[in-house]
């Protein structure tokens, strides 16, 4: 484990290095002790299903979705906990939440347009396959500072066979996250659409 990189509703998240003949950086999601058993296993299955979406743009979009490497349970008799290992995306360094810490007055709208466009592209791909994300808060947007790249995280609440209404909620949450980023700290207390 190299360092902690975040805390989600269901897990603690760490940057780590996988020791092998060719070491690679990975993201470890360690379930909180209070999370029901099987939560990270379901997330791993969801991520695998998203990676299995097929279509003409799949080679472009697959790398923009989290890729599970392994799932397991820690052998701790006092508090058994699940762990999920994801491939670490090179160059992506933080969430929109972290961006706002560095740019408390909000970001330049030109950057916002690119970030929103990238997020909508990923959502269009997933929505065409019948999925919805369901939890697009600012801490679920991982950004790449050089090319305005976006990866959407937090797919534990994603569902297949989503209705148009569910998919529209993804779009509303995306617009809310971007509005929040453009407005800066003064909007930090506004409520995200449910």
N, C-alpha and C. Protein backbone atom coordinates (compact mmCIF):
# COMPACT_ATOMS: atom_id res chain seq x y z
N UNK A 1 0.86 -1.18 0.00
CA UNK A 1 0.00 0.00 0.00
C UNK A 1 0.90 1.23 0.00
N UNK A 2 0.64 2.14 -0.96
CA UNK A 2 1.45 3.34 -1.07
C UNK A 2 0.85 4.51 -0.30
N UNK A 3 -0.47 4.70 -0.45
CA UNK A 3 -1.11 5.80 0.28
C UNK A 3 -2.62 5.67 0.18
N UNK A 4 -3.34 6.25 1.15
CA UNK A 4 -4.80 6.30 1.04
C UNK A 4 -5.17 7.35 -0.01
N UNK A 5 -6.20 7.07 -0.81
CA UNK A 5 -6.60 8.05 -1.83
C UNK A 5 -8.07 8.45 -1.71
N UNK A 6 -8.79 7.87 -0.79
CA UNK A 6 -10.17 8.30 -0.63
C UNK A 6 -10.96 7.39 0.28
N UNK A 7 -12.14 7.85 0.62
CA UNK A 7 -13.07 7.06 1.41
C UNK A 7 -14.44 7.20 0.81
N UNK A 8 -15.03 6.09 0.49
CA UNK A 8 -16.37 6.11 -0.05
C UNK A 8 -17.38 5.70 1.00
N UNK A 9 -18.59 5.62 0.58
CA UNK A 9 -19.67 5.24 1.48
C UNK A 9 -19.50 3.81 1.99
N UNK A 10 -18.96 2.94 1.11
CA UNK A 10 -18.85 1.52 1.44
C UNK A 10 -17.43 1.04 1.69
N UNK A 11 -16.43 1.84 1.31
CA UNK A 11 -15.06 1.33 1.38
C UNK A 11 -14.03 2.43 1.57
N UNK A 12 -12.85 1.99 2.00
CA UNK A 12 -11.67 2.84 2.03
C UNK A 12 -10.88 2.50 0.78
N UNK A 13 -10.26 3.52 0.17
CA UNK A 13 -9.60 3.32 -1.12
C UNK A 13 -8.12 3.69 -0.98
N UNK A 14 -7.26 2.80 -1.50
CA UNK A 14 -5.81 2.98 -1.38
C UNK A 14 -5.14 2.82 -2.74
N UNK A 15 -4.05 3.54 -2.93
CA UNK A 15 -3.18 3.32 -4.07
C UNK A 15 -2.13 2.32 -3.61
N UNK A 16 -1.88 1.30 -4.41
CA UNK A 16 -0.92 0.27 -4.02
C UNK A 16 -0.12 -0.14 -5.24
N UNK A 17 0.92 -0.93 -4.99
CA UNK A 17 1.71 -1.47 -6.09
C UNK A 17 1.64 -2.98 -6.04
N UNK A 18 1.28 -3.55 -7.13
CA UNK A 18 1.18 -5.01 -7.25
C UNK A 18 2.58 -5.53 -7.55
N UNK A 19 3.10 -6.36 -6.65
CA UNK A 19 4.45 -6.89 -6.79
C UNK A 19 4.43 -8.09 -7.72
N UNK A 20 5.14 -7.97 -8.82
CA UNK A 20 5.20 -9.02 -9.84
C UNK A 20 6.45 -8.77 -10.67
N UNK A 21 6.78 -9.66 -11.59
CA UNK A 21 7.95 -9.38 -12.44
C UNK A 21 7.85 -8.01 -13.11
N UNK A 22 6.64 -7.60 -13.48
CA UNK A 22 6.40 -6.26 -14.00
C UNK A 22 5.42 -5.58 -13.05
N UNK A 23 5.93 -4.86 -12.03
CA UNK A 23 5.03 -4.24 -11.04
C UNK A 23 4.07 -3.28 -11.72
N UNK A 24 2.86 -3.17 -11.14
CA UNK A 24 1.89 -2.21 -11.66
C UNK A 24 1.16 -1.57 -10.49
N UNK A 25 0.73 -0.34 -10.71
CA UNK A 25 -0.05 0.37 -9.72
C UNK A 25 -1.49 -0.12 -9.79
N UNK A 26 -2.09 -0.28 -8.62
CA UNK A 26 -3.47 -0.73 -8.53
C UNK A 26 -4.21 0.12 -7.49
N UNK A 27 -5.50 0.02 -7.52
CA UNK A 27 -6.36 0.67 -6.53
C UNK A 27 -7.00 -0.44 -5.71
N UNK A 28 -6.87 -0.36 -4.39
CA UNK A 28 -7.48 -1.32 -3.49
C UNK A 28 -8.70 -0.68 -2.84
N UNK A 29 -9.82 -1.37 -2.92
CA UNK A 29 -11.02 -0.94 -2.22
C UNK A 29 -11.23 -1.94 -1.09
N UNK A 30 -11.17 -1.46 0.13
CA UNK A 30 -11.34 -2.29 1.32
C UNK A 30 -12.67 -1.95 1.95
N UNK A 31 -13.57 -2.92 1.99
CA UNK A 31 -14.92 -2.69 2.52
C UNK A 31 -14.85 -2.30 3.99
N UNK A 32 -15.69 -1.39 4.37
CA UNK A 32 -15.79 -1.01 5.78
C UNK A 32 -16.37 -2.19 6.56
N UNK A 33 -16.01 -2.34 7.84
CA UNK A 33 -16.51 -3.48 8.62
C UNK A 33 -18.04 -3.52 8.71
N UNK A 34 -18.71 -2.38 8.58
CA UNK A 34 -20.16 -2.33 8.71
C UNK A 34 -20.90 -2.67 7.41
N UNK A 35 -20.17 -2.81 6.32
CA UNK A 35 -20.79 -3.08 5.03
C UNK A 35 -21.18 -4.55 4.95
N UNK A 36 -22.39 -4.86 4.52
CA UNK A 36 -22.82 -6.25 4.42
C UNK A 36 -21.91 -7.06 3.48
N UNK A 37 -21.72 -8.32 3.82
CA UNK A 37 -20.88 -9.20 3.00
C UNK A 37 -21.44 -9.27 1.58
N UNK A 38 -20.54 -9.30 0.62
CA UNK A 38 -20.93 -9.43 -0.77
C UNK A 38 -21.02 -8.12 -1.53
N UNK A 39 -20.89 -6.98 -0.85
CA UNK A 39 -21.03 -5.68 -1.52
C UNK A 39 -19.95 -5.48 -2.59
N UNK A 40 -18.69 -5.76 -2.25
CA UNK A 40 -17.63 -5.58 -3.23
C UNK A 40 -17.64 -6.69 -4.28
N UNK A 41 -18.13 -7.86 -3.93
CA UNK A 41 -18.28 -8.93 -4.92
C UNK A 41 -19.29 -8.52 -5.98
N UNK A 42 -20.40 -7.89 -5.55
CA UNK A 42 -21.40 -7.40 -6.51
C UNK A 42 -20.82 -6.28 -7.36
N UNK A 43 -20.02 -5.41 -6.75
CA UNK A 43 -19.40 -4.34 -7.52
C UNK A 43 -18.44 -4.92 -8.56
N UNK A 44 -17.68 -5.93 -8.18
CA UNK A 44 -16.77 -6.58 -9.13
C UNK A 44 -17.54 -7.19 -10.29
N UNK A 45 -18.69 -7.81 -10.00
CA UNK A 45 -19.51 -8.40 -11.07
C UNK A 45 -20.07 -7.31 -11.98
N UNK A 46 -20.49 -6.19 -11.40
CA UNK A 46 -21.00 -5.07 -12.19
C UNK A 46 -19.91 -4.54 -13.11
N UNK A 47 -18.70 -4.34 -12.56
CA UNK A 47 -17.60 -3.82 -13.36
C UNK A 47 -17.21 -4.79 -14.47
N UNK A 48 -17.27 -6.08 -14.18
CA UNK A 48 -16.99 -7.09 -15.21
C UNK A 48 -18.04 -7.01 -16.32
N UNK A 49 -19.30 -6.87 -15.94
CA UNK A 49 -20.38 -6.75 -16.94
C UNK A 49 -20.19 -5.49 -17.79
N UNK A 50 -19.77 -4.39 -17.18
CA UNK A 50 -19.53 -3.17 -17.94
C UNK A 50 -18.35 -3.35 -18.90
N UNK A 51 -17.32 -4.08 -18.46
CA UNK A 51 -16.19 -4.35 -19.34
C UNK A 51 -16.58 -5.26 -20.50
N UNK A 52 -17.62 -6.06 -20.32
CA UNK A 52 -18.07 -6.99 -21.36
C UNK A 52 -19.03 -6.37 -22.37
N UNK A 53 -19.40 -5.10 -22.18
CA UNK A 53 -20.26 -4.44 -23.17
C UNK A 53 -19.55 -4.48 -24.51
N UNK A 54 -20.27 -4.88 -25.53
CA UNK A 54 -19.66 -4.98 -26.85
C UNK A 54 -20.32 -3.98 -27.79
N UNK A 55 -19.58 -3.51 -28.73
CA UNK A 55 -20.10 -2.57 -29.71
C UNK A 55 -18.95 -1.92 -30.44
N UNK A 56 -19.27 -1.11 -31.44
CA UNK A 56 -18.21 -0.52 -32.25
C UNK A 56 -17.27 0.41 -31.48
N UNK A 57 -17.76 1.05 -30.42
CA UNK A 57 -16.90 1.97 -29.67
C UNK A 57 -16.33 1.35 -28.39
N UNK A 58 -16.57 0.07 -28.19
CA UNK A 58 -16.09 -0.59 -26.96
C UNK A 58 -14.58 -0.46 -26.75
N UNK A 59 -13.73 -0.62 -27.78
CA UNK A 59 -12.29 -0.47 -27.53
C UNK A 59 -11.91 0.91 -27.01
N UNK A 60 -12.66 1.93 -27.38
CA UNK A 60 -12.39 3.28 -26.89
C UNK A 60 -12.93 3.48 -25.48
N UNK A 61 -14.14 2.97 -25.21
CA UNK A 61 -14.80 3.24 -23.94
C UNK A 61 -14.38 2.32 -22.80
N UNK A 62 -14.04 1.08 -23.08
CA UNK A 62 -13.66 0.15 -21.99
C UNK A 62 -12.57 0.71 -21.08
N UNK A 63 -11.50 1.29 -21.64
CA UNK A 63 -10.45 1.82 -20.75
C UNK A 63 -10.92 2.98 -19.86
N UNK A 64 -12.06 3.57 -20.17
CA UNK A 64 -12.56 4.68 -19.38
C UNK A 64 -13.44 4.21 -18.21
N UNK A 65 -13.65 2.91 -18.13
CA UNK A 65 -14.42 2.33 -17.03
C UNK A 65 -13.48 1.58 -16.09
N UNK A 66 -13.77 1.54 -14.80
CA UNK A 66 -12.90 0.81 -13.87
C UNK A 66 -12.78 -0.66 -14.27
N UNK A 67 -11.56 -1.17 -14.19
CA UNK A 67 -11.31 -2.56 -14.58
C UNK A 67 -10.91 -3.39 -13.37
N UNK A 68 -11.76 -4.36 -12.98
CA UNK A 68 -11.41 -5.20 -11.82
C UNK A 68 -10.32 -6.20 -12.18
N UNK A 69 -9.39 -6.37 -11.26
CA UNK A 69 -8.31 -7.36 -11.43
C UNK A 69 -8.57 -8.57 -10.56
N UNK A 70 -8.97 -8.31 -9.31
CA UNK A 70 -9.18 -9.42 -8.37
C UNK A 70 -10.15 -8.99 -7.28
N UNK A 71 -10.77 -9.98 -6.67
CA UNK A 71 -11.66 -9.76 -5.53
C UNK A 71 -11.36 -10.87 -4.53
N UNK A 72 -11.50 -10.57 -3.24
CA UNK A 72 -11.31 -11.59 -2.23
C UNK A 72 -11.74 -11.11 -0.86
N UNK A 73 -11.51 -11.96 0.11
CA UNK A 73 -11.81 -11.61 1.49
C UNK A 73 -10.53 -11.66 2.30
N UNK A 74 -10.37 -10.69 3.19
CA UNK A 74 -9.20 -10.70 4.07
C UNK A 74 -9.41 -11.76 5.14
N UNK A 75 -8.38 -12.47 5.44
CA UNK A 75 -8.46 -13.55 6.42
C UNK A 75 -8.27 -12.99 7.82
N UNK A 76 -9.30 -12.34 8.31
CA UNK A 76 -9.28 -11.75 9.64
C UNK A 76 -10.50 -12.27 10.39
N UNK A 77 -10.30 -13.19 11.35
CA UNK A 77 -11.44 -13.80 12.04
C UNK A 77 -12.27 -12.82 12.87
N UNK A 78 -11.68 -11.70 13.31
CA UNK A 78 -12.44 -10.75 14.12
C UNK A 78 -13.36 -9.88 13.27
N UNK A 79 -12.94 -9.55 12.08
CA UNK A 79 -13.76 -8.69 11.20
C UNK A 79 -13.46 -9.02 9.75
N UNK A 80 -14.06 -10.09 9.21
CA UNK A 80 -13.80 -10.41 7.81
C UNK A 80 -14.26 -9.28 6.90
N UNK A 81 -13.39 -8.89 6.00
CA UNK A 81 -13.68 -7.76 5.10
C UNK A 81 -13.32 -8.14 3.68
N UNK A 82 -14.12 -7.60 2.76
CA UNK A 82 -13.84 -7.83 1.34
C UNK A 82 -12.84 -6.81 0.82
N UNK A 83 -12.15 -7.21 -0.24
CA UNK A 83 -11.22 -6.31 -0.91
C UNK A 83 -11.39 -6.48 -2.41
N UNK A 84 -11.35 -5.37 -3.12
CA UNK A 84 -11.47 -5.36 -4.56
C UNK A 84 -10.25 -4.65 -5.12
N UNK A 85 -9.59 -5.27 -6.09
CA UNK A 85 -8.40 -4.69 -6.71
C UNK A 85 -8.77 -4.25 -8.12
N UNK A 86 -8.48 -2.99 -8.41
CA UNK A 86 -8.78 -2.40 -9.72
C UNK A 86 -7.49 -1.92 -10.38
N UNK A 87 -7.46 -1.97 -11.70
CA UNK A 87 -6.31 -1.43 -12.42
C UNK A 87 -6.28 0.08 -12.20
N UNK A 88 -5.10 0.63 -11.93
CA UNK A 88 -4.96 2.06 -11.69
C UNK A 88 -4.83 2.80 -13.02
N UNK A 89 -5.65 3.81 -13.24
CA UNK A 89 -5.56 4.57 -14.49
C UNK A 89 -4.42 5.59 -14.43
N UNK A 90 -3.43 5.45 -15.27
CA UNK A 90 -2.28 6.34 -15.28
C UNK A 90 -2.69 7.77 -15.63
N UNK A 91 -2.15 8.71 -14.88
CA UNK A 91 -2.37 10.13 -15.16
C UNK A 91 -3.59 10.74 -14.49
N UNK A 92 -4.50 9.91 -14.00
CA UNK A 92 -5.67 10.42 -13.31
C UNK A 92 -5.30 10.59 -11.84
N UNK A 93 -5.52 11.79 -11.30
CA UNK A 93 -4.99 12.04 -9.97
C UNK A 93 -6.01 12.39 -8.91
N UNK A 94 -7.18 12.79 -9.25
CA UNK A 94 -8.12 13.15 -8.20
C UNK A 94 -9.53 13.33 -8.71
N UNK A 95 -10.44 13.53 -7.77
CA UNK A 95 -11.85 13.68 -8.09
C UNK A 95 -12.19 15.16 -8.30
N UNK A 96 -13.40 15.43 -8.77
CA UNK A 96 -13.86 16.82 -8.88
C UNK A 96 -13.85 17.48 -7.50
N UNK A 97 -14.14 16.71 -6.48
CA UNK A 97 -14.12 17.22 -5.12
C UNK A 97 -12.72 17.75 -4.79
N UNK A 98 -11.69 17.01 -5.18
CA UNK A 98 -10.31 17.45 -4.92
C UNK A 98 -9.92 18.63 -5.80
N UNK A 99 -10.43 18.68 -7.03
CA UNK A 99 -10.15 19.81 -7.91
C UNK A 99 -10.63 21.09 -7.26
N UNK A 100 -11.81 21.05 -6.65
CA UNK A 100 -12.36 22.25 -6.03
C UNK A 100 -11.53 22.70 -4.83
N UNK A 101 -10.83 21.80 -4.19
CA UNK A 101 -9.95 22.20 -3.09
C UNK A 101 -8.82 23.09 -3.60
N UNK A 102 -8.36 22.84 -4.84
CA UNK A 102 -7.29 23.63 -5.43
C UNK A 102 -7.82 24.88 -6.13
N UNK A 103 -9.07 24.85 -6.58
CA UNK A 103 -9.69 25.97 -7.29
C UNK A 103 -11.01 26.32 -6.59
N UNK A 104 -10.88 26.89 -5.40
CA UNK A 104 -12.08 27.11 -4.57
C UNK A 104 -13.07 28.08 -5.20
N UNK A 105 -12.62 28.91 -6.13
CA UNK A 105 -13.52 29.83 -6.80
C UNK A 105 -14.22 29.22 -8.00
N UNK A 106 -13.98 27.93 -8.25
CA UNK A 106 -14.55 27.26 -9.41
C UNK A 106 -13.53 27.20 -10.54
N UNK A 107 -13.84 26.45 -11.56
CA UNK A 107 -12.91 26.31 -12.68
C UNK A 107 -13.38 27.13 -13.87
N UNK A 108 -12.49 27.33 -14.82
CA UNK A 108 -12.80 28.04 -16.06
C UNK A 108 -13.87 27.25 -16.81
N UNK A 109 -14.93 27.90 -17.24
CA UNK A 109 -16.01 27.19 -17.95
C UNK A 109 -15.53 26.40 -19.17
N UNK A 110 -14.46 26.84 -19.83
CA UNK A 110 -13.95 26.09 -20.99
C UNK A 110 -13.49 24.70 -20.57
N UNK A 111 -12.89 24.59 -19.38
CA UNK A 111 -12.49 23.27 -18.88
C UNK A 111 -13.72 22.44 -18.52
N UNK A 112 -14.71 23.12 -17.94
CA UNK A 112 -15.95 22.44 -17.56
C UNK A 112 -16.65 21.81 -18.74
N UNK A 113 -16.66 22.51 -19.88
CA UNK A 113 -17.30 21.97 -21.09
C UNK A 113 -16.64 20.66 -21.50
N UNK A 114 -15.31 20.63 -21.47
CA UNK A 114 -14.61 19.40 -21.86
C UNK A 114 -14.87 18.26 -20.89
N UNK A 115 -14.85 18.57 -19.60
CA UNK A 115 -15.11 17.52 -18.60
C UNK A 115 -16.52 16.97 -18.77
N UNK A 116 -17.48 17.85 -18.95
CA UNK A 116 -18.87 17.42 -19.11
C UNK A 116 -19.04 16.59 -20.38
N UNK A 117 -18.40 17.03 -21.43
CA UNK A 117 -18.49 16.29 -22.69
C UNK A 117 -17.94 14.87 -22.55
N UNK A 118 -16.82 14.74 -21.85
CA UNK A 118 -16.22 13.41 -21.64
C UNK A 118 -17.16 12.52 -20.80
N UNK A 119 -17.73 13.10 -19.75
CA UNK A 119 -18.64 12.32 -18.89
C UNK A 119 -19.88 11.90 -19.67
N UNK A 120 -20.43 12.81 -20.48
CA UNK A 120 -21.62 12.47 -21.26
C UNK A 120 -21.31 11.38 -22.29
N UNK A 121 -20.11 11.38 -22.82
CA UNK A 121 -19.71 10.35 -23.78
C UNK A 121 -19.71 8.97 -23.12
N UNK A 122 -19.15 8.90 -21.92
CA UNK A 122 -19.13 7.62 -21.19
C UNK A 122 -20.56 7.19 -20.86
N UNK A 123 -21.38 8.13 -20.39
CA UNK A 123 -22.76 7.79 -20.04
C UNK A 123 -23.55 7.35 -21.27
N UNK A 124 -23.34 7.99 -22.40
CA UNK A 124 -24.05 7.57 -23.63
C UNK A 124 -23.73 6.12 -23.96
N UNK A 125 -22.47 5.75 -23.80
CA UNK A 125 -22.03 4.37 -24.07
C UNK A 125 -22.72 3.38 -23.13
N UNK A 126 -22.74 3.71 -21.84
CA UNK A 126 -23.33 2.81 -20.85
C UNK A 126 -24.85 2.78 -20.98
N UNK A 127 -25.44 3.93 -21.24
CA UNK A 127 -26.89 4.00 -21.39
C UNK A 127 -27.36 3.22 -22.62
N UNK A 128 -26.62 3.28 -23.71
CA UNK A 128 -26.99 2.51 -24.90
C UNK A 128 -27.01 1.01 -24.61
N UNK A 129 -26.17 0.59 -23.68
CA UNK A 129 -26.14 -0.83 -23.29
C UNK A 129 -27.21 -1.14 -22.25
N UNK A 130 -28.00 -0.13 -21.84
CA UNK A 130 -29.10 -0.36 -20.91
C UNK A 130 -28.76 -0.17 -19.44
N UNK A 131 -27.58 0.34 -19.13
CA UNK A 131 -27.16 0.53 -17.74
C UNK A 131 -27.40 1.96 -17.29
N UNK A 132 -27.38 2.14 -15.98
CA UNK A 132 -27.35 3.46 -15.36
C UNK A 132 -26.35 3.43 -14.22
N UNK A 133 -25.77 4.58 -13.92
CA UNK A 133 -24.77 4.68 -12.85
C UNK A 133 -25.47 4.83 -11.50
N UNK A 134 -26.24 5.90 -11.36
CA UNK A 134 -27.05 6.08 -10.16
C UNK A 134 -26.46 6.91 -9.05
N UNK A 135 -25.14 7.19 -9.08
CA UNK A 135 -24.52 7.92 -7.96
C UNK A 135 -23.43 8.86 -8.46
N UNK A 136 -23.74 9.77 -9.33
CA UNK A 136 -22.72 10.61 -9.96
C UNK A 136 -22.43 11.88 -9.17
N UNK A 137 -21.97 11.72 -7.96
CA UNK A 137 -21.57 12.86 -7.13
C UNK A 137 -20.16 13.29 -7.56
N UNK A 138 -19.72 14.49 -7.19
CA UNK A 138 -18.40 14.98 -7.60
C UNK A 138 -17.24 14.07 -7.20
N UNK A 139 -17.38 13.32 -6.12
CA UNK A 139 -16.28 12.44 -5.74
C UNK A 139 -16.22 11.16 -6.58
N UNK A 140 -17.17 10.98 -7.49
CA UNK A 140 -17.14 9.82 -8.38
C UNK A 140 -16.64 10.17 -9.78
N UNK A 141 -16.12 11.36 -9.95
CA UNK A 141 -15.50 11.78 -11.22
C UNK A 141 -14.00 11.82 -10.98
N UNK A 142 -13.25 10.97 -11.64
CA UNK A 142 -11.79 10.99 -11.57
C UNK A 142 -11.29 11.74 -12.80
N UNK A 143 -10.41 12.73 -12.60
CA UNK A 143 -10.02 13.59 -13.72
C UNK A 143 -8.53 13.46 -14.06
N UNK A 144 -8.25 13.70 -15.32
CA UNK A 144 -6.89 13.75 -15.85
C UNK A 144 -6.63 15.21 -16.21
N UNK A 145 -5.67 15.87 -15.56
CA UNK A 145 -5.52 17.32 -15.73
C UNK A 145 -5.03 17.76 -17.10
N UNK A 146 -4.33 16.92 -17.83
CA UNK A 146 -3.74 17.38 -19.09
C UNK A 146 -4.70 17.34 -20.27
N UNK A 147 -5.58 16.36 -20.32
CA UNK A 147 -6.45 16.25 -21.50
C UNK A 147 -7.93 16.32 -21.16
N UNK A 148 -8.26 16.83 -19.97
CA UNK A 148 -9.64 16.91 -19.52
C UNK A 148 -10.31 15.54 -19.50
N UNK A 149 -9.52 14.51 -19.31
CA UNK A 149 -10.08 13.16 -19.26
C UNK A 149 -10.91 12.95 -18.01
N UNK A 150 -11.91 12.11 -18.14
CA UNK A 150 -12.79 11.79 -17.02
C UNK A 150 -13.02 10.29 -17.00
N UNK A 151 -12.97 9.74 -15.82
CA UNK A 151 -13.41 8.36 -15.59
C UNK A 151 -14.45 8.43 -14.49
N UNK A 152 -15.52 7.72 -14.66
CA UNK A 152 -16.58 7.72 -13.65
C UNK A 152 -16.38 6.52 -12.73
N UNK A 153 -16.35 6.79 -11.43
CA UNK A 153 -16.14 5.76 -10.42
C UNK A 153 -17.44 5.51 -9.68
N UNK A 154 -17.38 4.62 -8.68
CA UNK A 154 -18.52 4.40 -7.80
C UNK A 154 -19.67 3.66 -8.47
N UNK A 155 -19.37 2.60 -9.17
CA UNK A 155 -20.39 1.86 -9.91
C UNK A 155 -21.12 0.82 -9.07
N UNK A 156 -20.97 0.86 -7.76
CA UNK A 156 -21.63 -0.16 -6.92
C UNK A 156 -23.15 -0.09 -7.01
N UNK A 157 -23.69 1.09 -7.30
CA UNK A 157 -25.13 1.23 -7.42
C UNK A 157 -25.65 1.12 -8.84
N UNK A 158 -24.76 0.80 -9.79
CA UNK A 158 -25.17 0.69 -11.20
C UNK A 158 -26.12 -0.48 -11.39
N UNK A 159 -27.05 -0.31 -12.32
CA UNK A 159 -28.04 -1.35 -12.58
C UNK A 159 -28.25 -1.51 -14.08
N UNK A 160 -28.43 -2.76 -14.54
CA UNK A 160 -28.78 -2.98 -15.94
C UNK A 160 -30.28 -2.77 -16.14
N UNK A 161 -30.72 -2.80 -17.36
CA UNK A 161 -32.15 -2.66 -17.71
C UNK A 161 -32.74 -1.39 -17.11
N UNK A 162 -31.97 -0.31 -17.17
CA UNK A 162 -32.40 0.95 -16.58
C UNK A 162 -33.47 1.61 -17.45
N UNK A 163 -34.39 2.26 -16.78
CA UNK A 163 -35.43 3.00 -17.49
C UNK A 163 -34.85 4.32 -18.01
N UNK A 164 -35.57 4.96 -18.89
CA UNK A 164 -35.18 6.29 -19.38
C UNK A 164 -35.12 7.28 -18.22
N UNK A 165 -36.02 7.12 -17.28
CA UNK A 165 -36.05 8.00 -16.11
C UNK A 165 -34.77 7.84 -15.27
N UNK A 166 -34.34 6.59 -15.07
CA UNK A 166 -33.09 6.33 -14.33
C UNK A 166 -31.89 6.95 -15.05
N UNK A 167 -31.87 6.80 -16.37
CA UNK A 167 -30.76 7.35 -17.14
C UNK A 167 -30.81 8.87 -17.14
N UNK A 168 -32.01 9.45 -17.14
CA UNK A 168 -32.13 10.91 -17.05
C UNK A 168 -31.61 11.41 -15.71
N UNK A 169 -31.79 10.62 -14.65
CA UNK A 169 -31.24 11.01 -13.34
C UNK A 169 -29.71 11.08 -13.41
N UNK A 170 -29.08 10.14 -14.13
CA UNK A 170 -27.63 10.22 -14.33
C UNK A 170 -27.25 11.56 -14.95
N UNK A 171 -28.01 11.98 -15.93
CA UNK A 171 -27.71 13.24 -16.62
C UNK A 171 -27.92 14.44 -15.69
N UNK A 172 -28.97 14.40 -14.87
CA UNK A 172 -29.20 15.49 -13.91
C UNK A 172 -28.07 15.55 -12.87
N UNK A 173 -27.65 14.39 -12.38
CA UNK A 173 -26.56 14.37 -11.41
C UNK A 173 -25.25 14.87 -12.03
N UNK A 174 -25.03 14.56 -13.29
CA UNK A 174 -23.84 15.02 -13.99
C UNK A 174 -23.87 16.54 -14.13
N UNK A 175 -25.01 17.08 -14.51
CA UNK A 175 -25.14 18.54 -14.63
C UNK A 175 -24.95 19.21 -13.27
N UNK A 176 -25.50 18.61 -12.22
CA UNK A 176 -25.33 19.17 -10.87
C UNK A 176 -23.86 19.19 -10.48
N UNK A 177 -23.14 18.09 -10.73
CA UNK A 177 -21.72 18.02 -10.36
C UNK A 177 -20.92 19.09 -11.10
N UNK A 178 -21.22 19.28 -12.36
CA UNK A 178 -20.49 20.28 -13.14
C UNK A 178 -20.85 21.70 -12.67
N UNK A 179 -22.11 21.95 -12.40
CA UNK A 179 -22.52 23.26 -11.89
C UNK A 179 -21.80 23.57 -10.58
N UNK A 180 -21.73 22.58 -9.74
CA UNK A 180 -21.04 22.70 -8.46
C UNK A 180 -19.56 23.05 -8.67
N UNK A 181 -18.93 22.42 -9.64
CA UNK A 181 -17.51 22.66 -9.91
C UNK A 181 -17.30 24.05 -10.50
N UNK A 182 -18.19 24.50 -11.36
CA UNK A 182 -18.06 25.82 -11.97
C UNK A 182 -18.29 26.94 -10.95
N UNK A 183 -19.24 26.74 -10.04
CA UNK A 183 -19.59 27.78 -9.07
C UNK A 183 -18.59 27.90 -7.94
N UNK A 184 -17.89 26.84 -7.61
CA UNK A 184 -16.90 26.91 -6.54
C UNK A 184 -17.48 26.65 -5.18
N UNK A 185 -16.73 27.04 -4.15
CA UNK A 185 -17.07 26.73 -2.76
C UNK A 185 -18.43 27.27 -2.33
N UNK A 186 -18.86 28.40 -2.91
CA UNK A 186 -20.14 28.96 -2.46
C UNK A 186 -21.31 28.01 -2.72
N UNK A 187 -21.13 27.04 -3.64
CA UNK A 187 -22.23 26.13 -3.93
C UNK A 187 -22.07 24.79 -3.21
N UNK A 188 -21.04 24.65 -2.38
CA UNK A 188 -20.75 23.36 -1.76
C UNK A 188 -21.86 22.84 -0.86
N UNK A 189 -22.73 23.73 -0.37
CA UNK A 189 -23.80 23.27 0.52
C UNK A 189 -25.10 22.95 -0.20
N UNK A 190 -25.13 23.11 -1.50
CA UNK A 190 -26.36 22.79 -2.23
C UNK A 190 -26.56 21.29 -2.26
N UNK A 191 -27.78 20.91 -2.41
CA UNK A 191 -28.12 19.49 -2.36
C UNK A 191 -28.14 18.89 -3.75
N UNK A 192 -27.48 17.75 -3.86
CA UNK A 192 -27.44 17.00 -5.11
C UNK A 192 -28.82 16.41 -5.38
N UNK A 193 -29.25 16.36 -6.65
CA UNK A 193 -30.53 15.73 -6.92
C UNK A 193 -30.50 14.25 -6.58
N UNK A 194 -31.58 13.74 -6.01
CA UNK A 194 -31.64 12.33 -5.63
C UNK A 194 -32.00 11.46 -6.81
